[in-house]
Amino acid sequence: MTYAEVGLKLSLTGDAVESDVRYIRKFLPGFAEGGELKVRELAYYVCYRGEFTDDNVKNKREQGIRAMQQAIKQDIMENLPYENMTFYI
């Protein structure tokens, strides 16, 4: 999905999404290359933005990055058992 499409789905502007992506790339350099978010990147981005709802958090972006890191770790752990499996049809 493009930044504008993601923005519409999350009630943001495309510029806000682009700004977030530039920040995220400091920690994940290949994130959303080509101006579009892939399915997993979108899921991680939703985790990142989910942290912006708590008004008591001083640095929401920092908190968002931690949420993304947790989501990525969880994703890796859940999908690891399937990595070396062979499927027979």
Protein backbone atom coordinates (compact mmCIF):
# COMPACT_ATOMS: atom_id res chain seq x y z
CA MET A 1 0.00 0.00 0.00
CA THR A 2 1.20 3.51 -0.71
CA TYR A 3 1.70 6.03 2.08
CA ALA A 4 -1.51 7.81 1.05
CA GLU A 5 -3.53 4.57 1.14
CA VAL A 6 -2.13 3.69 4.56
CA GLY A 7 -2.90 7.21 5.76
CA LEU A 8 -6.52 6.90 4.65
CA LYS A 9 -6.94 3.58 6.46
CA LEU A 10 -5.43 4.95 9.68
CA SER A 11 -6.93 8.47 9.53
CA LEU A 12 -3.54 10.06 8.84
CA THR A 13 -2.11 12.07 6.00
CA GLY A 14 0.30 10.49 3.55
CA ASP A 15 2.89 13.02 4.74
CA ALA A 16 2.52 11.81 8.33
CA VAL A 17 3.06 8.21 7.23
CA GLU A 18 6.09 9.22 5.17
CA SER A 19 7.55 11.09 8.15
CA ASP A 20 7.06 8.01 10.34
CA VAL A 21 8.67 5.78 7.72
CA ARG A 22 11.74 8.04 7.55
CA TYR A 23 12.06 7.75 11.33
CA ILE A 24 11.55 3.97 11.28
CA ARG A 25 14.25 3.58 8.63
CA LYS A 26 16.82 4.78 11.18
CA PHE A 27 16.21 1.46 12.93
CA LEU A 28 15.10 -0.72 9.99
CA PRO A 29 16.92 0.57 6.90
CA GLY A 30 14.94 -1.41 4.29
CA PHE A 31 11.51 -0.57 5.70
CA ALA A 32 8.87 0.40 3.10
CA GLU A 33 11.22 0.77 0.18
CA GLY A 34 9.77 2.20 -2.99
CA GLY A 35 7.17 4.28 -1.18
CA GLU A 36 4.93 1.33 -0.35
CA LEU A 37 4.36 -0.85 2.68
CA LYS A 38 4.18 -4.61 2.24
CA VAL A 39 1.68 -6.63 4.29
CA ARG A 40 4.06 -7.39 7.17
CA GLU A 41 5.44 -3.86 7.16
CA LEU A 42 1.89 -2.58 7.43
CA ALA A 43 1.29 -4.83 10.43
CA TYR A 44 4.48 -3.57 12.07
CA TYR A 45 3.51 0.02 11.30
CA VAL A 46 0.12 -0.48 12.96
CA CYS A 47 1.97 -1.70 16.08
CA TYR A 48 4.16 1.41 15.88
CA ARG A 49 1.19 3.78 15.56
CA GLY A 50 -0.72 1.93 18.27
CA GLU A 51 1.68 3.37 20.82
CA PHE A 52 0.66 6.91 19.87
CA THR A 53 -2.68 6.59 21.66
CA ASP A 54 -1.21 6.85 25.17
CA ASP A 55 -0.97 10.55 26.04
CA ASN A 56 1.21 9.82 29.07
CA VAL A 57 4.13 8.62 26.95
CA LYS A 58 6.75 11.33 26.59
CA ASN A 59 8.45 10.08 23.43
CA LYS A 60 5.81 8.23 21.44
CA ARG A 61 8.11 7.42 18.54
CA GLU A 62 10.59 5.70 20.83
CA GLN A 63 7.76 3.71 22.40
CA GLY A 64 6.48 2.88 18.91
CA ILE A 65 9.86 1.52 17.83
CA ARG A 66 9.93 -0.74 20.90
CA ALA A 67 6.45 -2.02 20.01
CA MET A 68 7.60 -2.73 16.45
CA GLN A 69 10.68 -4.57 17.68
CA GLN A 70 8.50 -6.75 19.90
CA ALA A 71 6.12 -7.47 17.01
CA ILE A 72 9.02 -8.45 14.75
CA LYS A 73 10.55 -10.71 17.40
CA GLN A 74 7.17 -12.36 17.99
CA ASP A 75 6.66 -12.81 14.25
CA ILE A 76 10.07 -14.45 13.89
CA MET A 77 9.45 -16.78 16.84
CA GLU A 78 6.02 -17.83 15.57
CA ASN A 79 7.21 -18.48 12.01
CA LEU A 80 10.54 -20.10 12.83
CA PRO A 81 9.15 -23.66 13.16
CA TYR A 82 7.82 -23.49 9.60
CA GLU A 83 11.09 -22.37 8.04
CA ASN A 84 12.54 -25.84 7.39
CA MET A 85 9.33 -27.78 6.84
CA THR A 86 8.51 -29.45 3.57
CA PHE A 87 4.89 -29.45 2.50
CA TYR A 88 3.53 -32.34 0.47
CA ILE A 89 0.55 -31.80 -1.75
